[in-house]
Amino acid sequence: MIDSPELAAYATLAETFPEPVFRPWLESLPAQLARAFAADHHGDWPRWREVLRRLPPIQPAWVNLNADAVQLKGRADAAAELALIETLLRELHPWRKGPYDVLGIPIDTEWRSDLKWRRLESAIQPLAGRTVLDVGCGNGYHAWRMVGAGAGRVIGIDPTLLSVAQFLAIRHFAGDFPVYVLPVGIDDVPPNLGAFDTVFSMGVLYHRRSPLDHLLELKGCMREGGELVLETLVIEGGAGQVLVPEDRYARMRNVWFIPSCPTLEGWLKRCGYRNIRLIDVTPTTAEEQRSTDWMRFQSLPDCLDPANPGLTVEGLPAPRRAVFLAEGP
């Protein structure tokens, strides 16, 4: 692997995943990381790297991965050191997923990701000892919660370098846990790897131009009998109904297909999944997604029709999110 400080977080990957099934990915990963972290890949990466370098080396005294806000407790030498840490963490704006409590500094993220976790944690197969893949994981909030729920090992993947920088900042204070966020997408995972006990895809499907291909990619990541946890936007309607926005959806350009729940169940069946269960459908509200001091851009309230919050500003059905569970073949 290339010689740069951000790669220290990945130094133990080969030891944590020694099985032959992971070898094809581990062999290609150094080149993937080198491309992702190259100085010319993203213009802001040198600045974010400098933020990570300046974080004080505070050893974690206590870590709580089972609280709504992932809690990292340590001993800062002075109020000035805490102020520096908060200033550096704010340099990684916008913080989308969380919340976190870093040494008493509350990071109030755009998404209350803990609410999503509550909706699924008691319904999924127990994570104790399982090897988990979290696709499109953002800064890794749910990956930390998975470890807190007993997962033996977690790999999160997300090509957004800012999210990876945020994960590395959290890991800096959390210490050495078997959780990694890699700056890659699912297209970088070798096809039909067949390695993971549980695969999460939350908030990804509607961003894919080919949703069935995404479902097949997810299945290829799973070992035989593994579990898929799929969370995505849905519309009300019957089998065969799907919304394809002509342009934007809730101001987002990259939304391609929003199916009804029966349609999505049919897609899962067509892709070879079994024991398919719909465990939750919840409208997204400003309690769960909103602008904060740590994410100062537009958020959900700015994307809804002010005269009718049941519609987006484009006149489309307002966001509803469903959680499906399914087993691989």
Protein backbone atom coordinates (compact mmCIF):
# COMPACT_ATOMS: atom_id res chain seq x y z
CA MET A 1 0.00 0.00 0.00
CA ILE A 2 1.12 3.58 -0.59
CA ASP A 3 2.98 5.36 2.19
CA SER A 4 0.57 7.92 3.60
CA PRO A 5 -0.77 8.40 7.12
CA GLU A 6 -4.44 7.85 6.22
CA LEU A 7 -3.64 4.25 5.30
CA ALA A 8 -2.69 3.39 8.88
CA ALA A 9 -6.39 2.64 9.41
CA TYR A 10 -6.16 -0.13 6.81
CA ALA A 11 -2.90 -1.71 7.95
CA THR A 12 -4.71 -4.53 9.79
CA LEU A 13 -7.16 -5.41 7.00
CA ALA A 14 -5.28 -8.52 5.86
CA GLU A 15 -5.00 -9.78 9.44
CA THR A 16 -8.68 -9.13 10.12
CA PHE A 17 -9.80 -10.86 6.89
CA PRO A 18 -7.32 -13.75 6.44
CA GLU A 19 -9.70 -16.18 4.70
CA PRO A 20 -8.92 -17.10 1.08
CA VAL A 21 -12.34 -15.81 -0.03
CA PHE A 22 -11.16 -12.24 0.62
CA ARG A 23 -7.86 -12.63 -1.23
CA PRO A 24 -9.09 -11.38 -4.64
CA TRP A 25 -10.26 -8.12 -3.10
CA LEU A 26 -7.27 -7.67 -0.82
CA GLU A 27 -4.97 -8.11 -3.81
CA SER A 28 -6.70 -5.37 -5.80
CA LEU A 29 -7.34 -3.05 -2.84
CA PRO A 30 -3.91 -1.34 -2.65
CA ALA A 31 -4.33 0.00 -6.17
CA GLN A 32 -7.90 1.06 -5.41
CA LEU A 33 -6.78 2.95 -2.30
CA ALA A 34 -3.88 4.55 -4.15
CA ARG A 35 -6.26 5.89 -6.80
CA ALA A 36 -8.79 7.13 -4.26
CA PHE A 37 -6.26 8.93 -2.08
CA ALA A 38 -4.20 10.39 -4.93
CA ALA A 39 -3.76 14.13 -4.50
CA ASP A 40 -5.35 14.86 -7.88
CA HIS A 41 -8.41 12.64 -7.31
CA HIS A 42 -10.26 15.24 -5.23
CA GLY A 43 -9.12 18.82 -4.82
CA ASP A 44 -10.10 19.01 -1.14
CA TRP A 45 -8.38 15.79 -0.09
CA PRO A 46 -5.05 17.48 0.88
CA ARG A 47 -6.98 19.84 3.16
CA TRP A 48 -8.96 17.02 4.78
CA ARG A 49 -5.76 14.98 5.19
CA GLU A 50 -4.20 17.93 7.01
CA VAL A 51 -7.19 18.02 9.38
CA LEU A 52 -6.59 14.36 10.21
CA ARG A 53 -2.89 14.99 10.79
CA ARG A 54 -3.62 17.81 13.23
CA LEU A 55 -6.00 15.84 15.46
CA PRO A 56 -4.39 15.49 18.92
CA PRO A 57 -3.36 11.94 19.88
CA ILE A 58 -5.88 11.37 22.67
CA GLN A 59 -6.28 7.78 23.78
CA PRO A 60 -9.91 6.64 24.16
CA ALA A 61 -10.90 6.10 27.78
CA TRP A 62 -14.37 4.77 27.02
CA VAL A 63 -16.31 4.02 23.84
CA ASN A 64 -20.06 3.39 23.73
CA LEU A 65 -21.25 2.06 20.37
CA ASN A 66 -24.78 1.31 21.61
CA ALA A 67 -25.94 4.85 22.32
CA ASP A 68 -27.97 6.89 19.85
CA ALA A 69 -24.96 9.19 19.55
CA VAL A 70 -21.82 7.07 19.22
CA GLN A 71 -19.85 8.14 22.28
CA LEU A 72 -16.07 8.50 22.40
CA LYS A 73 -14.72 9.54 25.78
CA GLY A 74 -11.16 10.56 26.40
CA ARG A 75 -9.10 13.02 28.38
CA ALA A 76 -8.24 16.28 26.68
CA ASP A 77 -5.48 18.29 28.37
CA ALA A 78 -7.31 21.59 28.36
CA ALA A 79 -10.33 23.47 27.10
CA ALA A 80 -8.11 24.87 24.36
CA GLU A 81 -7.42 21.34 23.11
CA LEU A 82 -11.15 20.59 22.97
CA ALA A 83 -11.70 23.83 21.09
CA LEU A 84 -9.04 22.83 18.58
CA ILE A 85 -10.64 19.40 18.10
CA GLU A 86 -14.06 20.93 17.49
CA THR A 87 -12.60 23.42 15.02
CA LEU A 88 -10.88 20.61 13.11
CA LEU A 89 -13.97 18.41 13.07
CA ARG A 90 -16.00 21.33 11.73
CA GLU A 91 -13.49 21.60 8.87
CA LEU A 92 -14.99 18.30 7.67
CA HIS A 93 -18.41 19.93 7.09
CA PRO A 94 -21.00 18.79 6.06
CA TRP A 95 -21.62 15.92 8.47
CA ARG A 96 -24.49 13.89 7.00
CA LYS A 97 -24.78 10.74 9.14
CA GLY A 98 -24.64 10.38 12.90
CA PRO A 99 -25.00 11.61 15.61
CA TYR A 100 -21.68 11.41 17.46
CA ASP A 101 -20.37 12.56 20.81
CA VAL A 102 -16.61 13.08 20.52
CA LEU A 103 -14.99 13.88 23.88
CA GLY A 104 -18.13 15.75 24.90
CA ILE A 105 -18.41 17.58 21.56
CA PRO A 106 -21.89 16.80 20.14
CA ILE A 107 -21.89 16.38 16.36
CA ASP A 108 -25.52 16.96 15.39
CA THR A 109 -25.59 15.52 11.89
CA GLU A 110 -28.15 16.11 9.14
CA TRP A 111 -29.55 12.59 9.50
CA ARG A 112 -30.69 11.12 12.80
CA SER A 113 -29.32 7.78 11.62
CA ASP A 114 -30.10 6.28 15.01
CA LEU A 115 -33.80 6.38 14.11
CA LYS A 116 -33.17 4.19 11.07
CA TRP A 117 -31.12 1.82 13.21
CA ARG A 118 -33.95 1.49 15.74
CA ARG A 119 -36.37 0.47 12.99
CA LEU A 120 -34.29 -2.52 11.94
CA GLU A 121 -32.03 -3.64 14.78
CA SER A 122 -34.49 -6.02 16.42
CA ALA A 123 -35.71 -7.55 13.13
CA ILE A 124 -32.43 -8.50 11.45
CA GLN A 125 -30.53 -11.70 12.14
CA PRO A 126 -28.32 -11.17 15.22
CA LEU A 127 -25.00 -9.69 14.18
CA ALA A 128 -22.96 -11.43 16.89
CA GLY A 129 -19.74 -12.68 15.29
CA ARG A 130 -20.91 -11.94 11.74
CA THR A 131 -18.87 -10.50 8.90
CA VAL A 132 -20.74 -7.49 7.53
CA LEU A 133 -20.60 -5.31 4.42
CA ASP A 134 -22.23 -1.86 4.56
CA VAL A 135 -22.64 -0.49 1.03
CA GLY A 136 -22.84 3.30 0.70
CA CYS A 137 -22.06 3.65 4.39
CA GLY A 138 -21.27 7.37 4.45
CA ASN A 139 -19.02 8.16 7.39
CA GLY A 140 -19.62 4.77 8.97
CA TYR A 141 -22.17 5.60 11.68
CA HIS A 142 -24.12 2.39 11.12
CA ALA A 143 -20.90 0.38 10.83
CA TRP A 144 -20.01 1.47 14.37
CA ARG A 145 -23.50 0.50 15.55
CA MET A 146 -23.06 -2.92 13.89
CA VAL A 147 -19.87 -3.49 15.88
CA GLY A 148 -21.74 -2.37 18.99
CA ALA A 149 -24.37 -5.02 18.20
CA GLY A 150 -21.65 -7.68 18.22
CA ALA A 151 -20.54 -7.91 14.58
CA GLY A 152 -17.17 -9.58 14.38
CA ARG A 153 -15.94 -7.53 11.42
CA VAL A 154 -17.44 -4.72 9.35
CA ILE A 155 -16.35 -3.24 6.04
CA GLY A 156 -18.13 -0.12 4.88
CA ILE A 157 -17.65 1.16 1.36
CA ASP A 158 -18.31 4.69 0.13
CA PRO A 159 -16.45 6.53 -2.66
CA THR A 160 -17.14 9.95 -1.10
CA LEU A 161 -13.77 11.01 0.30
CA LEU A 162 -15.24 13.50 2.76
CA SER A 163 -17.24 10.68 4.37
CA VAL A 164 -14.07 8.58 4.57
CA ALA A 165 -12.22 11.49 6.19
CA GLN A 166 -14.99 11.80 8.79
CA PHE A 167 -14.75 8.08 9.52
CA LEU A 168 -10.98 8.34 9.94
CA ALA A 169 -11.47 11.24 12.37
CA ILE A 170 -13.91 9.20 14.45
CA ARG A 171 -11.60 6.18 14.34
CA HIS A 172 -8.71 8.38 15.48
CA PHE A 173 -10.49 8.89 18.81
CA ALA A 174 -12.28 5.51 19.01
CA GLY A 175 -9.15 3.39 18.69
CA ASP A 176 -8.67 0.02 17.06
CA PHE A 177 -11.96 -1.73 16.28
CA PRO A 178 -12.60 -4.28 13.49
CA VAL A 179 -14.40 -1.70 11.37
CA TYR A 180 -13.17 -0.10 8.15
CA VAL A 181 -14.60 2.39 5.67
CA LEU A 182 -13.00 2.03 2.25
CA PRO A 183 -13.10 4.81 -0.38
CA VAL A 184 -14.54 2.54 -3.07
CA GLY A 185 -17.92 1.67 -4.55
CA ILE A 186 -19.63 -1.65 -5.01
CA ASP A 187 -18.28 -1.79 -8.57
CA ASP A 188 -14.82 -2.16 -7.02
CA VAL A 189 -15.80 -5.29 -5.07
CA PRO A 190 -14.86 -8.42 -7.05
CA PRO A 191 -18.04 -9.96 -8.52
CA ASN A 192 -19.52 -12.98 -6.75
CA LEU A 193 -17.16 -12.62 -3.80
CA GLY A 194 -19.56 -14.65 -1.62
CA ALA A 195 -17.90 -13.56 1.62
CA PHE A 196 -20.31 -11.67 3.87
CA ASP A 197 -22.85 -12.97 6.38
CA THR A 198 -24.91 -9.76 6.27
CA VAL A 199 -24.97 -7.10 3.56
CA PHE A 200 -26.55 -3.71 4.18
CA SER A 201 -27.61 -1.35 1.39
CA MET A 202 -29.30 1.67 2.92
CA GLY A 203 -30.15 4.72 0.85
CA VAL A 204 -28.38 3.44 -2.27
CA LEU A 205 -30.84 1.63 -4.56
CA TYR A 206 -32.58 4.75 -5.89
CA HIS A 207 -29.20 6.23 -6.86
CA ARG A 208 -28.40 3.29 -9.17
CA ARG A 209 -29.27 3.50 -12.85
CA SER A 210 -29.96 -0.24 -12.87
CA PRO A 211 -31.60 -1.28 -9.58
CA LEU A 212 -31.75 -4.97 -10.52
CA ASP A 213 -28.04 -5.00 -11.26
CA HIS A 214 -27.48 -3.50 -7.81
CA LEU A 215 -29.56 -6.23 -6.18
CA LEU A 216 -27.54 -8.86 -8.06
CA GLU A 217 -24.26 -7.21 -7.01
CA LEU A 218 -25.39 -7.30 -3.39
CA LYS A 219 -26.32 -10.96 -3.67
CA GLY A 220 -22.90 -11.69 -5.13
CA CYS A 221 -21.25 -10.25 -2.02
CA MET A 222 -23.15 -12.63 0.29
CA ARG A 223 -22.22 -16.09 1.42
CA GLU A 224 -24.80 -18.84 0.95
CA GLY A 225 -27.71 -18.19 3.28
CA GLY A 226 -26.56 -14.66 4.13
CA GLU A 227 -28.96 -11.82 4.85
CA LEU A 228 -29.61 -8.64 2.87
CA VAL A 229 -30.83 -5.55 4.74
CA LEU A 230 -32.22 -3.19 2.10
CA GLU A 231 -33.47 0.31 2.91
CA THR A 232 -34.66 2.59 0.14
CA LEU A 233 -37.22 5.13 -1.03
CA VAL A 234 -40.60 3.71 -2.02
CA ILE A 235 -43.94 4.99 -3.28
CA GLU A 236 -47.43 3.84 -2.42
CA GLY A 237 -48.90 1.57 -5.06
CA GLY A 238 -49.33 -1.94 -6.37
CA ALA A 239 -47.19 -4.45 -8.20
CA GLY A 240 -45.44 -3.01 -11.23
CA GLN A 241 -45.70 0.61 -10.15
CA VAL A 242 -42.49 2.63 -10.07
CA LEU A 243 -41.70 6.34 -10.11
CA VAL A 244 -39.03 7.48 -12.57
CA PRO A 245 -38.49 11.21 -11.99
CA GLU A 246 -38.14 13.19 -15.22
CA ASP A 247 -35.48 15.43 -13.71
CA ARG A 248 -34.95 15.91 -9.97
CA TYR A 249 -36.56 14.31 -6.95
CA ALA A 250 -36.57 16.39 -3.73
CA ARG A 251 -33.91 18.53 -5.44
CA MET A 252 -31.67 15.46 -6.00
CA ARG A 253 -30.43 14.88 -9.54
CA ASN A 254 -29.32 11.28 -9.11
CA VAL A 255 -32.62 9.54 -8.28
CA TRP A 256 -33.57 7.02 -10.95
CA PHE A 257 -36.18 4.48 -9.76
CA ILE A 258 -38.51 4.59 -6.75
CA PRO A 259 -40.65 1.42 -6.70
CA SER A 260 -43.73 0.50 -4.74
CA CYS A 261 -43.18 -2.11 -2.05
CA PRO A 262 -44.84 -4.90 -4.11
CA THR A 263 -42.67 -3.94 -7.08
CA LEU A 264 -39.50 -4.06 -5.00
CA GLU A 265 -40.50 -7.44 -3.59
CA GLY A 266 -40.90 -8.65 -7.17
CA TRP A 267 -37.45 -7.34 -8.07
CA LEU A 268 -35.94 -9.22 -5.13
CA LYS A 269 -37.68 -12.44 -6.19
CA ARG A 270 -36.54 -11.99 -9.79
CA CYS A 271 -32.96 -11.62 -8.56
CA GLY A 272 -33.11 -14.91 -6.66
CA TYR A 273 -33.68 -13.78 -3.09
CA ARG A 274 -35.88 -15.80 -0.77
CA ASN A 275 -37.67 -15.32 2.57
CA ILE A 276 -38.37 -11.70 1.62
CA ARG A 277 -39.91 -9.60 4.39
CA LEU A 278 -41.01 -5.99 4.55
CA ILE A 279 -40.35 -4.87 8.13
CA ASP A 280 -40.95 -1.13 8.04
CA VAL A 281 -42.32 1.75 5.97
CA THR A 282 -41.84 5.22 7.42
CA PRO A 283 -42.33 8.69 5.93
CA THR A 284 -39.19 10.80 6.29
CA THR A 285 -39.76 13.85 8.48
CA ALA A 286 -37.75 16.83 9.66
CA GLU A 287 -37.17 15.00 12.93
CA GLU A 288 -34.96 12.57 11.02
CA GLN A 289 -33.42 14.78 8.30
CA ARG A 290 -32.79 18.50 8.66
CA SER A 291 -30.15 21.19 8.49
CA THR A 292 -28.00 21.64 11.60
CA ASP A 293 -24.97 23.59 12.67
CA TRP A 294 -22.88 20.65 11.40
CA MET A 295 -24.72 20.47 8.03
CA ARG A 296 -25.66 23.97 6.99
CA PHE A 297 -26.87 23.24 3.45
CA GLN A 298 -30.44 22.61 2.29
CA SER A 299 -32.14 19.57 3.75
CA LEU A 300 -35.54 17.88 3.73
CA PRO A 301 -37.72 20.87 4.75
CA ASP A 302 -36.29 22.84 1.81
CA CYS A 303 -37.21 20.01 -0.58
CA LEU A 304 -40.92 19.76 0.23
CA ASP A 305 -43.81 21.80 -1.15
CA PRO A 306 -44.43 24.47 1.53
CA ALA A 307 -48.14 24.36 0.82
CA ASN A 308 -48.35 20.56 0.89
CA PRO A 309 -45.63 18.64 2.78
CA GLY A 310 -46.98 15.42 1.25
CA LEU A 311 -45.29 16.47 -2.01
CA THR A 312 -41.76 17.41 -2.99
CA VAL A 313 -41.04 20.80 -4.54
CA GLU A 314 -41.32 19.04 -7.91
CA GLY A 315 -44.86 17.88 -7.09
CA LEU A 316 -43.86 14.24 -6.56
CA PRO A 317 -44.78 12.08 -3.54
CA ALA A 318 -42.76 13.07 -0.48
CA PRO A 319 -40.06 10.65 0.72
CA ARG A 320 -41.14 7.35 2.28
CA ARG A 321 -38.54 4.76 3.15
CA ALA A 322 -38.97 1.01 3.46
CA VAL A 323 -36.76 -1.69 4.99
CA PHE A 324 -36.74 -5.16 3.42
CA LEU A 325 -34.93 -8.26 4.66
CA ALA A 326 -34.09 -11.11 2.31
CA GLU A 327 -31.87 -14.17 2.24
CA GLY A 328 -29.48 -15.18 -0.47
CA PRO A 329 -29.75 -18.53 -2.26
